[in-house]
């Protein structure tokens, strides 16, 4: 889209930076979606990505989460929603890309909420949390790099780590893209998690599918 078309559409590019993990990250401000961060042709934080999580959080409005882990913190869109819905919850965020976190601080207001941010690989840092006997009432997993969901986050190793991080009545939510070839990938993932969690609920906002997995009697 040309600069003229951007202007006419009410679209403004606020920043464009290179990341070693996400490639080119673009901060966009639009009339329809507000300010959000894009990579690989899709929104990574803020905008429609935040609305997707807002949809699934509505189904959990009656829950009282005291501790929340976000694997794939990004620019902080999920963290902001958690803070809004459960303001007393202590939030820990894991993110491999420090560049997107910095953009979140600058443009999305991530720095205005209390988040313990751990920079590094999601699998390795989750293992470290297990070693420290950390437990969370809610875990949100949103680990896309552009349109790619890294295979290690589908592995039984990672899923078992996440389960060990859950409190007895904890809940874990996985976000997956759900269009074209992504549909079969998401459904295959659903088969895996259904073998681990006694109850899995599905929410389908926009071009995504969200799997809400209940640990033991948390339903």
N, C-alpha and C. Protein backbone atom coordinates (compact mmCIF):
# COMPACT_ATOMS: atom_id res chain seq x y z
N UNK A 1 0.85 -1.20 0.00
CA UNK A 1 0.00 0.00 0.00
C UNK A 1 0.89 1.25 0.00
N UNK A 2 0.60 2.21 -0.90
CA UNK A 2 1.39 3.43 -0.97
C UNK A 2 1.10 4.33 0.21
N UNK A 3 2.00 5.32 0.42
CA UNK A 3 1.80 6.25 1.52
C UNK A 3 0.48 7.01 1.37
N UNK A 4 0.12 7.35 0.10
CA UNK A 4 -1.13 8.06 -0.14
C UNK A 4 -2.31 7.18 0.25
N UNK A 5 -2.28 5.91 -0.16
CA UNK A 5 -3.36 4.99 0.19
C UNK A 5 -3.43 4.75 1.69
N UNK A 6 -2.26 4.68 2.32
CA UNK A 6 -2.21 4.55 3.78
C UNK A 6 -2.93 5.73 4.44
N UNK A 7 -2.63 6.93 3.95
CA UNK A 7 -3.22 8.14 4.51
C UNK A 7 -4.74 8.14 4.32
N UNK A 8 -5.19 7.80 3.11
CA UNK A 8 -6.62 7.81 2.80
C UNK A 8 -7.37 6.75 3.61
N UNK A 9 -6.68 5.66 3.92
CA UNK A 9 -7.30 4.58 4.69
C UNK A 9 -7.21 4.81 6.20
N UNK A 10 -6.62 5.94 6.60
CA UNK A 10 -6.46 6.22 8.02
C UNK A 10 -5.43 5.31 8.65
N UNK A 11 -4.38 5.00 7.90
CA UNK A 11 -3.35 4.07 8.35
C UNK A 11 -2.00 4.78 8.40
N UNK A 12 -1.32 4.65 9.53
CA UNK A 12 -0.04 5.34 9.72
C UNK A 12 1.01 4.35 10.22
N UNK A 13 2.18 4.35 9.58
CA UNK A 13 3.30 3.53 10.04
C UNK A 13 4.07 4.32 11.09
N UNK A 14 4.07 3.85 12.32
CA UNK A 14 4.75 4.56 13.40
C UNK A 14 6.22 4.17 13.52
N UNK A 15 6.53 2.92 13.20
CA UNK A 15 7.91 2.45 13.30
C UNK A 15 8.07 1.17 12.48
N UNK A 16 9.29 0.96 12.03
CA UNK A 16 9.62 -0.26 11.30
C UNK A 16 11.05 -0.64 11.68
N UNK A 17 11.20 -1.79 12.32
CA UNK A 17 12.52 -2.20 12.82
C UNK A 17 12.78 -3.66 12.46
N UNK A 18 14.05 -4.01 12.39
CA UNK A 18 14.44 -5.39 12.11
C UNK A 18 14.66 -6.15 13.41
N UNK A 19 14.17 -7.38 13.43
CA UNK A 19 14.34 -8.27 14.58
C UNK A 19 15.03 -9.54 14.12
N UNK A 20 15.96 -10.07 14.92
CA UNK A 20 16.63 -11.32 14.54
C UNK A 20 15.68 -12.51 14.58
N UNK A 21 14.54 -12.37 15.22
CA UNK A 21 13.60 -13.49 15.35
C UNK A 21 12.37 -13.32 14.44
N UNK A 22 11.83 -12.12 14.38
CA UNK A 22 10.59 -11.88 13.64
C UNK A 22 10.79 -11.21 12.29
N UNK A 23 12.03 -10.92 11.92
CA UNK A 23 12.25 -10.19 10.68
C UNK A 23 11.84 -8.74 10.85
N UNK A 24 11.15 -8.19 9.89
CA UNK A 24 10.71 -6.79 9.97
C UNK A 24 9.45 -6.70 10.83
N UNK A 25 9.54 -5.90 11.88
CA UNK A 25 8.39 -5.61 12.74
C UNK A 25 7.89 -4.21 12.41
N UNK A 26 6.60 -4.10 12.14
CA UNK A 26 6.01 -2.81 11.77
C UNK A 26 4.94 -2.43 12.78
N UNK A 27 5.08 -1.23 13.33
CA UNK A 27 4.06 -0.70 14.23
C UNK A 27 3.10 0.16 13.41
N UNK A 28 1.84 -0.24 13.41
CA UNK A 28 0.83 0.41 12.56
C UNK A 28 -0.26 1.01 13.45
N UNK A 29 -0.72 2.20 13.07
CA UNK A 29 -1.85 2.82 13.74
C UNK A 29 -2.97 2.97 12.72
N UNK A 30 -4.13 2.37 13.02
CA UNK A 30 -5.27 2.40 12.10
C UNK A 30 -6.52 2.86 12.83
N UNK A 31 -7.43 3.44 12.07
CA UNK A 31 -8.70 3.88 12.64
C UNK A 31 -9.48 2.69 13.18
N UNK A 32 -9.47 1.59 12.43
CA UNK A 32 -10.28 0.43 12.81
C UNK A 32 -9.70 -0.36 13.98
N UNK A 33 -8.38 -0.54 13.98
CA UNK A 33 -7.76 -1.46 14.94
C UNK A 33 -6.80 -0.80 15.93
N UNK A 34 -6.68 0.50 15.88
CA UNK A 34 -5.78 1.17 16.80
C UNK A 34 -4.33 0.85 16.47
N UNK A 35 -3.46 0.88 17.46
CA UNK A 35 -2.04 0.64 17.27
C UNK A 35 -1.73 -0.84 17.49
N UNK A 36 -1.01 -1.44 16.55
CA UNK A 36 -0.66 -2.85 16.67
C UNK A 36 0.67 -3.11 15.98
N UNK A 37 1.27 -4.27 16.30
CA UNK A 37 2.56 -4.66 15.76
C UNK A 37 2.38 -5.82 14.79
N UNK A 38 2.94 -5.68 13.59
CA UNK A 38 2.79 -6.72 12.56
C UNK A 38 4.14 -7.36 12.21
N UNK A 39 4.07 -8.64 11.85
CA UNK A 39 5.25 -9.37 11.35
C UNK A 39 4.75 -10.50 10.47
N UNK A 40 5.44 -10.74 9.37
CA UNK A 40 5.05 -11.83 8.49
C UNK A 40 3.67 -11.69 7.91
N UNK A 41 3.19 -10.46 7.79
CA UNK A 41 1.89 -10.22 7.17
C UNK A 41 0.70 -10.33 8.11
N UNK A 42 0.93 -10.63 9.39
CA UNK A 42 -0.18 -10.71 10.33
C UNK A 42 0.13 -9.91 11.60
N UNK A 43 -0.93 -9.57 12.32
CA UNK A 43 -0.78 -8.83 13.57
C UNK A 43 -0.26 -9.75 14.66
N UNK A 44 0.80 -9.31 15.34
CA UNK A 44 1.40 -10.09 16.42
C UNK A 44 0.91 -9.63 17.79
N UNK A 45 0.74 -8.33 17.97
CA UNK A 45 0.30 -7.78 19.25
C UNK A 45 -0.60 -6.57 19.01
N UNK A 46 -1.61 -6.42 19.90
CA UNK A 46 -2.55 -5.33 19.75
C UNK A 46 -3.54 -5.62 18.63
N UNK A 47 -4.40 -4.67 18.33
CA UNK A 47 -5.32 -4.80 17.21
C UNK A 47 -6.16 -6.06 17.25
N UNK A 48 -6.28 -6.72 16.10
CA UNK A 48 -7.12 -7.91 16.00
C UNK A 48 -6.61 -9.05 16.86
N UNK A 49 -5.27 -9.14 17.05
CA UNK A 49 -4.70 -10.20 17.89
C UNK A 49 -5.19 -10.07 19.33
N UNK A 50 -5.31 -8.83 19.79
CA UNK A 50 -5.80 -8.60 21.15
C UNK A 50 -7.28 -8.92 21.24
N UNK A 51 -8.05 -8.60 20.19
CA UNK A 51 -9.48 -8.90 20.17
C UNK A 51 -9.74 -10.40 20.22
N UNK A 52 -8.87 -11.18 19.59
CA UNK A 52 -9.01 -12.64 19.61
C UNK A 52 -8.94 -13.16 21.05
N UNK A 53 -7.97 -12.67 21.81
CA UNK A 53 -7.85 -13.09 23.20
C UNK A 53 -8.98 -12.53 24.06
N UNK A 54 -9.46 -11.36 23.70
CA UNK A 54 -10.59 -10.77 24.43
C UNK A 54 -11.81 -11.69 24.34
N UNK A 55 -12.00 -12.29 23.17
CA UNK A 55 -13.14 -13.20 22.95
C UNK A 55 -13.08 -14.40 23.89
N UNK A 56 -11.91 -15.03 23.98
CA UNK A 56 -11.81 -16.22 24.83
C UNK A 56 -11.82 -15.86 26.31
N UNK A 57 -11.29 -14.71 26.67
CA UNK A 57 -11.30 -14.29 28.08
C UNK A 57 -12.73 -14.04 28.58
N UNK A 58 -13.62 -13.66 27.67
CA UNK A 58 -15.02 -13.45 28.08
C UNK A 58 -15.62 -14.74 28.63
N UNK A 59 -15.18 -15.87 28.11
CA UNK A 59 -15.72 -17.15 28.57
C UNK A 59 -15.20 -17.53 29.96
N UNK A 60 -14.19 -16.80 30.44
CA UNK A 60 -13.58 -17.09 31.74
C UNK A 60 -13.81 -15.97 32.74
N UNK A 61 -14.79 -15.13 32.45
CA UNK A 61 -15.02 -13.92 33.26
C UNK A 61 -15.27 -14.24 34.74
N UNK A 62 -15.83 -15.41 35.03
CA UNK A 62 -16.15 -15.74 36.42
C UNK A 62 -14.97 -16.34 37.19
N UNK A 63 -13.86 -16.58 36.49
CA UNK A 63 -12.69 -17.16 37.15
C UNK A 63 -11.93 -16.10 37.95
N UNK A 64 -11.16 -16.56 38.93
CA UNK A 64 -10.36 -15.66 39.74
C UNK A 64 -8.90 -16.09 39.65
N UNK A 65 -8.21 -15.62 38.63
CA UNK A 65 -6.81 -16.00 38.44
C UNK A 65 -5.89 -15.11 39.27
N UNK A 66 -5.02 -15.74 40.05
CA UNK A 66 -4.08 -14.99 40.88
C UNK A 66 -2.68 -14.94 40.28
N UNK A 67 -2.37 -15.92 39.44
CA UNK A 67 -1.05 -15.98 38.81
C UNK A 67 -1.21 -16.41 37.36
N UNK A 68 -0.57 -15.67 36.46
CA UNK A 68 -0.74 -15.91 35.02
C UNK A 68 0.62 -15.94 34.34
N UNK A 69 0.82 -16.94 33.49
CA UNK A 69 2.02 -17.05 32.67
C UNK A 69 1.64 -16.88 31.21
N UNK A 70 2.38 -16.02 30.51
CA UNK A 70 2.17 -15.84 29.07
C UNK A 70 3.42 -16.30 28.35
N UNK A 71 3.31 -17.37 27.58
CA UNK A 71 4.43 -17.86 26.78
C UNK A 71 4.23 -17.29 25.37
N UNK A 72 5.03 -16.28 25.05
CA UNK A 72 4.83 -15.50 23.83
C UNK A 72 4.23 -14.15 24.18
N UNK A 73 4.95 -13.42 25.03
CA UNK A 73 4.46 -12.13 25.52
C UNK A 73 4.26 -11.13 24.40
N UNK A 74 5.16 -11.16 23.40
CA UNK A 74 5.07 -10.20 22.30
C UNK A 74 5.13 -8.77 22.79
N UNK A 75 4.25 -7.94 22.26
CA UNK A 75 4.20 -6.54 22.67
C UNK A 75 3.31 -6.27 23.86
N UNK A 76 2.73 -7.34 24.42
CA UNK A 76 1.98 -7.19 25.67
C UNK A 76 0.47 -7.12 25.56
N UNK A 77 -0.08 -7.42 24.39
CA UNK A 77 -1.53 -7.35 24.22
C UNK A 77 -2.28 -8.26 25.18
N UNK A 78 -1.82 -9.51 25.32
CA UNK A 78 -2.47 -10.44 26.24
C UNK A 78 -2.32 -9.97 27.68
N UNK A 79 -1.13 -9.50 28.03
CA UNK A 79 -0.88 -9.04 29.40
C UNK A 79 -1.81 -7.89 29.77
N UNK A 80 -2.06 -6.99 28.85
CA UNK A 80 -2.95 -5.86 29.12
C UNK A 80 -4.37 -6.34 29.39
N UNK A 81 -4.82 -7.35 28.63
CA UNK A 81 -6.16 -7.89 28.83
C UNK A 81 -6.26 -8.63 30.17
N UNK A 82 -5.21 -9.38 30.51
CA UNK A 82 -5.20 -10.06 31.81
C UNK A 82 -5.29 -9.04 32.92
N UNK A 83 -4.50 -7.98 32.83
CA UNK A 83 -4.51 -6.94 33.84
C UNK A 83 -5.87 -6.26 33.96
N UNK A 84 -6.55 -6.10 32.85
CA UNK A 84 -7.87 -5.47 32.85
C UNK A 84 -8.92 -6.39 33.48
N UNK A 85 -8.87 -7.68 33.14
CA UNK A 85 -9.87 -8.63 33.61
C UNK A 85 -9.61 -9.15 35.02
N UNK A 86 -8.32 -9.31 35.35
CA UNK A 86 -7.95 -9.84 36.67
C UNK A 86 -6.83 -8.97 37.24
N UNK A 87 -7.16 -7.75 37.66
CA UNK A 87 -6.14 -6.76 38.05
C UNK A 87 -5.24 -7.19 39.21
N UNK A 88 -5.68 -8.14 40.02
CA UNK A 88 -4.87 -8.59 41.14
C UNK A 88 -3.88 -9.69 40.74
N UNK A 89 -4.00 -10.20 39.53
CA UNK A 89 -3.16 -11.32 39.11
C UNK A 89 -1.71 -10.88 38.90
N UNK A 90 -0.78 -11.73 39.34
CA UNK A 90 0.64 -11.51 39.07
C UNK A 90 0.97 -12.14 37.73
N UNK A 91 1.55 -11.34 36.83
CA UNK A 91 1.78 -11.77 35.45
C UNK A 91 3.26 -12.00 35.19
N UNK A 92 3.57 -13.17 34.63
CA UNK A 92 4.92 -13.46 34.15
C UNK A 92 4.84 -13.67 32.64
N UNK A 93 5.72 -13.01 31.90
CA UNK A 93 5.71 -13.15 30.45
C UNK A 93 7.04 -13.66 29.93
N UNK A 94 7.00 -14.65 29.04
CA UNK A 94 8.19 -15.17 28.39
C UNK A 94 8.18 -14.73 26.93
N UNK A 95 9.28 -14.18 26.45
CA UNK A 95 9.37 -13.73 25.06
C UNK A 95 10.80 -13.87 24.56
N UNK A 96 10.96 -14.49 23.41
CA UNK A 96 12.29 -14.70 22.85
C UNK A 96 12.84 -13.44 22.18
N UNK A 97 11.95 -12.54 21.78
CA UNK A 97 12.34 -11.38 20.97
C UNK A 97 12.31 -10.10 21.80
N UNK A 98 13.46 -9.59 22.25
CA UNK A 98 13.46 -8.35 23.04
C UNK A 98 13.01 -7.12 22.24
N UNK A 99 13.12 -7.20 20.92
CA UNK A 99 12.73 -6.06 20.08
C UNK A 99 11.23 -5.82 20.15
N UNK A 100 10.44 -6.89 20.07
CA UNK A 100 8.99 -6.71 20.11
C UNK A 100 8.52 -6.27 21.50
N UNK A 101 9.23 -6.70 22.54
CA UNK A 101 8.90 -6.25 23.89
C UNK A 101 9.15 -4.75 24.01
N UNK A 102 10.26 -4.29 23.45
CA UNK A 102 10.58 -2.85 23.50
C UNK A 102 9.54 -2.04 22.73
N UNK A 103 9.10 -2.56 21.60
CA UNK A 103 8.06 -1.87 20.84
C UNK A 103 6.75 -1.84 21.63
N UNK A 104 6.48 -2.93 22.34
CA UNK A 104 5.29 -2.96 23.20
C UNK A 104 5.36 -1.92 24.30
N UNK A 105 6.54 -1.76 24.89
CA UNK A 105 6.73 -0.74 25.92
C UNK A 105 6.50 0.66 25.37
N UNK A 106 7.02 0.90 24.16
CA UNK A 106 6.98 2.24 23.57
C UNK A 106 5.61 2.59 22.99
N UNK A 107 4.96 1.62 22.32
CA UNK A 107 3.77 1.94 21.55
C UNK A 107 2.46 1.33 22.07
N UNK A 108 2.55 0.24 22.84
CA UNK A 108 1.32 -0.44 23.27
C UNK A 108 1.05 -0.30 24.78
N UNK A 109 1.92 0.40 25.49
CA UNK A 109 1.69 0.62 26.92
C UNK A 109 2.01 -0.56 27.81
N UNK A 110 2.83 -1.49 27.31
CA UNK A 110 3.22 -2.64 28.13
C UNK A 110 3.93 -2.20 29.41
N UNK A 111 4.69 -1.11 29.31
CA UNK A 111 5.44 -0.63 30.47
C UNK A 111 4.55 -0.04 31.57
N UNK A 112 3.26 0.09 31.30
CA UNK A 112 2.35 0.68 32.28
C UNK A 112 1.72 -0.36 33.20
N UNK A 113 1.98 -1.64 32.94
CA UNK A 113 1.46 -2.68 33.82
C UNK A 113 2.61 -3.49 34.40
N UNK A 114 2.34 -4.16 35.49
CA UNK A 114 3.37 -4.94 36.18
C UNK A 114 3.47 -6.33 35.54
N UNK A 115 4.56 -6.57 34.83
CA UNK A 115 4.82 -7.88 34.21
C UNK A 115 6.26 -8.28 34.49
N UNK A 116 6.45 -9.46 35.04
CA UNK A 116 7.80 -9.99 35.19
C UNK A 116 8.19 -10.60 33.85
N UNK A 117 9.07 -9.93 33.13
CA UNK A 117 9.40 -10.33 31.76
C UNK A 117 10.69 -11.14 31.72
N UNK A 118 10.60 -12.34 31.14
CA UNK A 118 11.75 -13.21 30.97
C UNK A 118 12.07 -13.31 29.49
N UNK A 119 13.27 -12.88 29.10
CA UNK A 119 13.66 -12.90 27.70
C UNK A 119 14.46 -14.17 27.41
N UNK A 120 13.97 -14.95 26.45
CA UNK A 120 14.66 -16.17 26.08
C UNK A 120 13.70 -17.18 25.47
N UNK A 121 14.18 -18.37 25.23
CA UNK A 121 13.40 -19.43 24.60
C UNK A 121 12.26 -19.90 25.51
N UNK A 122 11.08 -20.01 24.95
CA UNK A 122 9.90 -20.36 25.73
C UNK A 122 9.97 -21.72 26.38
N UNK A 123 10.53 -22.70 25.69
CA UNK A 123 10.63 -24.04 26.25
C UNK A 123 11.64 -24.08 27.39
N UNK A 124 12.83 -23.52 27.16
CA UNK A 124 13.89 -23.54 28.18
C UNK A 124 13.49 -22.78 29.43
N UNK A 125 12.89 -21.60 29.25
CA UNK A 125 12.50 -20.80 30.40
C UNK A 125 11.34 -21.43 31.16
N UNK A 126 10.45 -22.12 30.45
CA UNK A 126 9.37 -22.84 31.12
C UNK A 126 9.93 -23.97 31.97
N UNK A 127 10.95 -24.64 31.44
CA UNK A 127 11.64 -25.69 32.22
C UNK A 127 12.24 -25.10 33.50
N UNK A 128 12.82 -23.92 33.39
CA UNK A 128 13.42 -23.27 34.56
C UNK A 128 12.36 -22.94 35.61
N UNK A 129 11.19 -22.54 35.15
CA UNK A 129 10.10 -22.25 36.09
C UNK A 129 9.65 -23.51 36.82
N UNK A 130 9.64 -24.64 36.10
CA UNK A 130 9.30 -25.91 36.75
C UNK A 130 10.33 -26.23 37.83
N UNK A 131 11.60 -26.03 37.51
CA UNK A 131 12.69 -26.31 38.46
C UNK A 131 12.55 -25.45 39.72
N UNK A 132 11.94 -24.28 39.57
CA UNK A 132 11.74 -23.38 40.71
C UNK A 132 10.39 -23.62 41.40
N UNK A 133 9.69 -24.67 40.97
CA UNK A 133 8.39 -25.04 41.55
C UNK A 133 7.34 -23.94 41.41
N UNK A 134 7.39 -23.19 40.32
CA UNK A 134 6.39 -22.15 40.06
C UNK A 134 5.09 -22.79 39.58
N UNK A 135 3.97 -22.18 39.96
CA UNK A 135 2.65 -22.66 39.54
C UNK A 135 1.80 -21.47 39.10
N UNK A 136 0.94 -21.71 38.11
CA UNK A 136 0.11 -20.64 37.57
C UNK A 136 -1.33 -21.12 37.41
N UNK A 137 -2.26 -20.21 37.71
CA UNK A 137 -3.69 -20.51 37.54
C UNK A 137 -4.10 -20.49 36.07
N UNK A 138 -3.43 -19.64 35.31
CA UNK A 138 -3.73 -19.50 33.88
C UNK A 138 -2.43 -19.39 33.11
N UNK A 139 -2.33 -20.17 32.03
CA UNK A 139 -1.18 -20.07 31.12
C UNK A 139 -1.71 -19.81 29.72
N UNK A 140 -1.20 -18.78 29.08
CA UNK A 140 -1.58 -18.43 27.71
C UNK A 140 -0.40 -18.71 26.79
N UNK A 141 -0.61 -19.52 25.77
CA UNK A 141 0.46 -19.88 24.85
C UNK A 141 0.16 -19.30 23.47
N UNK A 142 0.98 -18.33 23.06
CA UNK A 142 0.80 -17.67 21.76
C UNK A 142 2.19 -17.43 21.18
N UNK A 143 2.75 -18.48 20.58
CA UNK A 143 4.18 -18.48 20.26
C UNK A 143 4.47 -18.34 18.76
N UNK A 144 3.54 -17.78 18.02
CA UNK A 144 3.76 -17.62 16.58
C UNK A 144 4.92 -16.69 16.28
N UNK A 145 5.70 -17.08 15.29
CA UNK A 145 6.69 -16.20 14.68
C UNK A 145 6.18 -15.96 13.26
N UNK A 146 5.60 -14.78 13.04
CA UNK A 146 4.88 -14.55 11.79
C UNK A 146 3.69 -15.49 11.74
N UNK A 147 3.64 -16.35 10.71
CA UNK A 147 2.55 -17.31 10.58
C UNK A 147 2.98 -18.73 10.94
N UNK A 148 4.15 -18.85 11.56
CA UNK A 148 4.70 -20.17 11.90
C UNK A 148 4.59 -20.45 13.39
N UNK A 149 4.03 -21.61 13.71
CA UNK A 149 3.96 -22.08 15.09
C UNK A 149 5.08 -23.09 15.27
N UNK A 150 6.16 -22.73 15.99
CA UNK A 150 7.31 -23.62 16.12
C UNK A 150 6.92 -25.01 16.63
N UNK A 151 7.46 -26.03 16.00
CA UNK A 151 7.11 -27.42 16.30
C UNK A 151 7.37 -27.78 17.77
N UNK A 152 8.41 -27.19 18.36
CA UNK A 152 8.72 -27.56 19.75
C UNK A 152 7.59 -27.25 20.71
N UNK A 153 6.72 -26.30 20.34
CA UNK A 153 5.61 -25.96 21.21
C UNK A 153 4.40 -26.86 20.99
N UNK A 154 4.55 -27.82 20.07
CA UNK A 154 3.56 -28.88 19.90
C UNK A 154 4.04 -30.18 20.53
N UNK A 155 5.28 -30.20 20.97
CA UNK A 155 5.90 -31.44 21.45
C UNK A 155 5.33 -31.86 22.80
N UNK A 156 5.34 -33.18 23.04
CA UNK A 156 4.90 -33.69 24.34
C UNK A 156 5.76 -33.15 25.46
N UNK A 157 7.04 -32.93 25.17
CA UNK A 157 7.95 -32.38 26.18
C UNK A 157 7.45 -31.03 26.67
N UNK A 158 7.12 -30.13 25.75
CA UNK A 158 6.64 -28.80 26.14
C UNK A 158 5.30 -28.89 26.84
N UNK A 159 4.40 -29.71 26.29
CA UNK A 159 3.06 -29.81 26.87
C UNK A 159 3.11 -30.37 28.29
N UNK A 160 4.01 -31.30 28.54
CA UNK A 160 4.15 -31.85 29.90
C UNK A 160 4.74 -30.80 30.85
N UNK A 161 5.64 -29.97 30.33
CA UNK A 161 6.20 -28.88 31.15
C UNK A 161 5.09 -27.91 31.55
N UNK A 162 4.27 -27.54 30.56
CA UNK A 162 3.16 -26.61 30.83
C UNK A 162 2.21 -27.19 31.86
N UNK A 163 1.92 -28.48 31.74
CA UNK A 163 1.01 -29.13 32.69
C UNK A 163 1.58 -29.09 34.10
N UNK A 164 2.89 -29.27 34.23
CA UNK A 164 3.53 -29.23 35.55
C UNK A 164 3.51 -27.82 36.14
N UNK A 165 3.37 -26.81 35.29
CA UNK A 165 3.32 -25.42 35.77
C UNK A 165 1.92 -25.00 36.21
N UNK A 166 0.92 -25.81 35.89
CA UNK A 166 -0.46 -25.46 36.24
C UNK A 166 -0.76 -25.80 37.70
N UNK A 167 -1.55 -24.95 38.33
CA UNK A 167 -2.12 -25.30 39.63
C UNK A 167 -3.12 -26.43 39.41
N UNK A 168 -3.56 -27.04 40.50
CA UNK A 168 -4.47 -28.18 40.40
C UNK A 168 -5.69 -27.87 39.55
N UNK A 169 -6.22 -26.68 39.70
CA UNK A 169 -7.42 -26.28 38.95
C UNK A 169 -7.08 -25.30 37.82
N UNK A 170 -5.84 -25.35 37.35
CA UNK A 170 -5.38 -24.38 36.36
C UNK A 170 -5.93 -24.61 34.96
N UNK A 171 -5.77 -23.58 34.14
CA UNK A 171 -6.26 -23.57 32.75
C UNK A 171 -5.13 -23.11 31.85
N UNK A 172 -4.98 -23.78 30.70
CA UNK A 172 -4.03 -23.32 29.69
C UNK A 172 -4.79 -23.09 28.38
N UNK A 173 -4.47 -21.97 27.73
CA UNK A 173 -5.11 -21.62 26.46
C UNK A 173 -4.05 -21.56 25.36
N UNK A 174 -4.32 -22.26 24.26
CA UNK A 174 -3.44 -22.24 23.10
C UNK A 174 -4.13 -21.50 21.96
N UNK A 175 -3.41 -20.57 21.35
CA UNK A 175 -3.92 -19.86 20.17
C UNK A 175 -3.31 -20.47 18.91
N UNK A 176 -4.18 -20.83 17.94
CA UNK A 176 -3.70 -21.35 16.66
C UNK A 176 -4.40 -20.64 15.52
N UNK A 177 -3.67 -20.40 14.44
CA UNK A 177 -4.28 -19.88 13.23
C UNK A 177 -5.20 -20.94 12.65
N UNK A 178 -6.24 -20.49 11.91
CA UNK A 178 -7.26 -21.44 11.47
C UNK A 178 -7.81 -21.03 10.09
N UNK A 179 -6.98 -21.19 9.08
CA UNK A 179 -7.40 -20.93 7.71
C UNK A 179 -6.51 -21.74 6.77
N UNK A 180 -7.05 -22.10 5.62
CA UNK A 180 -6.34 -22.89 4.61
C UNK A 180 -5.60 -24.07 5.25
N UNK A 181 -4.29 -24.19 5.01
CA UNK A 181 -3.55 -25.34 5.53
C UNK A 181 -3.41 -25.31 7.05
N UNK A 182 -3.67 -24.14 7.64
CA UNK A 182 -3.55 -24.02 9.10
C UNK A 182 -4.67 -24.79 9.82
N UNK A 183 -5.78 -25.04 9.13
CA UNK A 183 -6.91 -25.74 9.74
C UNK A 183 -6.50 -27.15 10.16
N UNK A 184 -5.92 -27.90 9.23
CA UNK A 184 -5.50 -29.27 9.55
C UNK A 184 -4.42 -29.30 10.62
N UNK A 185 -3.50 -28.32 10.57
CA UNK A 185 -2.44 -28.26 11.59
C UNK A 185 -3.05 -28.04 12.97
N UNK A 186 -4.03 -27.16 13.05
CA UNK A 186 -4.68 -26.87 14.34
C UNK A 186 -5.46 -28.08 14.85
N UNK A 187 -6.15 -28.77 13.95
CA UNK A 187 -6.94 -29.93 14.36
C UNK A 187 -6.06 -31.10 14.79
N UNK A 188 -4.90 -31.24 14.15
CA UNK A 188 -3.95 -32.28 14.58
C UNK A 188 -3.42 -31.95 15.98
N UNK A 189 -3.19 -30.67 16.23
CA UNK A 189 -2.74 -30.24 17.56
C UNK A 189 -3.82 -30.53 18.60
N UNK A 190 -5.07 -30.33 18.22
CA UNK A 190 -6.19 -30.59 19.14
C UNK A 190 -6.19 -32.06 19.58
N UNK A 191 -5.88 -32.96 18.66
CA UNK A 191 -5.84 -34.39 19.00
C UNK A 191 -4.78 -34.66 20.05
N UNK A 192 -3.65 -33.95 19.95
CA UNK A 192 -2.55 -34.14 20.91
C UNK A 192 -2.96 -33.67 22.30
N UNK A 193 -3.51 -32.47 22.39
CA UNK A 193 -3.83 -31.92 23.71
C UNK A 193 -5.01 -32.64 24.36
N UNK A 194 -5.89 -33.22 23.55
CA UNK A 194 -7.02 -33.96 24.12
C UNK A 194 -6.56 -35.23 24.83
N UNK A 195 -5.36 -35.70 24.53
CA UNK A 195 -4.80 -36.87 25.21
C UNK A 195 -4.19 -36.50 26.56
N UNK A 196 -3.97 -35.20 26.75
CA UNK A 196 -3.31 -34.72 27.96
C UNK A 196 -4.29 -34.11 28.95
N UNK A 197 -5.26 -33.34 28.43
CA UNK A 197 -6.19 -32.62 29.31
C UNK A 197 -7.57 -33.27 29.28
N UNK A 198 -8.21 -33.40 30.44
CA UNK A 198 -9.51 -34.09 30.53
C UNK A 198 -10.65 -33.36 29.83
N UNK A 199 -10.48 -32.05 29.63
CA UNK A 199 -11.55 -31.30 28.96
C UNK A 199 -10.95 -30.16 28.16
N UNK A 200 -11.30 -30.07 26.89
CA UNK A 200 -10.82 -29.01 25.99
C UNK A 200 -12.01 -28.31 25.37
N UNK A 201 -12.10 -27.00 25.56
CA UNK A 201 -13.16 -26.21 24.93
C UNK A 201 -12.58 -25.43 23.76
N UNK A 202 -13.41 -25.19 22.74
CA UNK A 202 -12.97 -24.52 21.52
C UNK A 202 -13.72 -23.21 21.33
N UNK A 203 -12.96 -22.16 21.04
CA UNK A 203 -13.53 -20.86 20.66
C UNK A 203 -12.91 -20.48 19.32
N UNK A 204 -13.74 -19.99 18.38
CA UNK A 204 -13.23 -19.68 17.04
C UNK A 204 -13.47 -18.20 16.70
N UNK A 205 -12.58 -17.31 17.15
CA UNK A 205 -12.69 -15.91 16.76
C UNK A 205 -11.92 -15.63 15.47
N UNK A 206 -12.50 -14.89 14.55
CA UNK A 206 -11.83 -14.49 13.31
C UNK A 206 -11.22 -15.70 12.61
N UNK A 207 -9.94 -15.61 12.21
CA UNK A 207 -9.28 -16.70 11.49
C UNK A 207 -8.39 -17.52 12.42
N UNK A 208 -8.82 -17.60 13.68
CA UNK A 208 -8.06 -18.34 14.70
C UNK A 208 -8.95 -19.36 15.38
N UNK A 209 -8.32 -20.28 16.08
CA UNK A 209 -9.04 -21.22 16.94
C UNK A 209 -8.31 -21.26 18.27
N UNK A 210 -9.06 -21.16 19.35
CA UNK A 210 -8.49 -21.13 20.69
C UNK A 210 -8.89 -22.40 21.43
N UNK A 211 -7.91 -23.08 22.01
CA UNK A 211 -8.16 -24.28 22.78
C UNK A 211 -7.98 -23.96 24.27
N UNK A 212 -9.07 -24.03 25.03
CA UNK A 212 -9.03 -23.81 26.46
C UNK A 212 -9.00 -25.16 27.15
N UNK A 213 -7.89 -25.48 27.80
CA UNK A 213 -7.66 -26.81 28.37
C UNK A 213 -7.73 -26.75 29.89
N UNK A 214 -8.57 -27.60 30.47
CA UNK A 214 -8.79 -27.59 31.90
C UNK A 214 -8.02 -28.70 32.58
N UNK A 215 -7.26 -28.35 33.60
CA UNK A 215 -6.47 -29.30 34.35
C UNK A 215 -7.32 -29.89 35.48
N UNK A 216 -7.47 -31.19 35.53
CA UNK A 216 -8.24 -31.88 36.56
C UNK A 216 -9.64 -31.30 36.73
N UNK A 217 -9.96 -30.77 37.91
CA UNK A 217 -11.34 -30.37 38.20
C UNK A 217 -11.58 -28.88 38.00
N UNK A 218 -10.81 -28.24 37.12
CA UNK A 218 -10.90 -26.77 37.00
C UNK A 218 -12.12 -26.32 36.22
N UNK A 219 -12.85 -27.22 35.63
CA UNK A 219 -13.98 -26.85 34.80
C UNK A 219 -15.08 -26.21 35.61
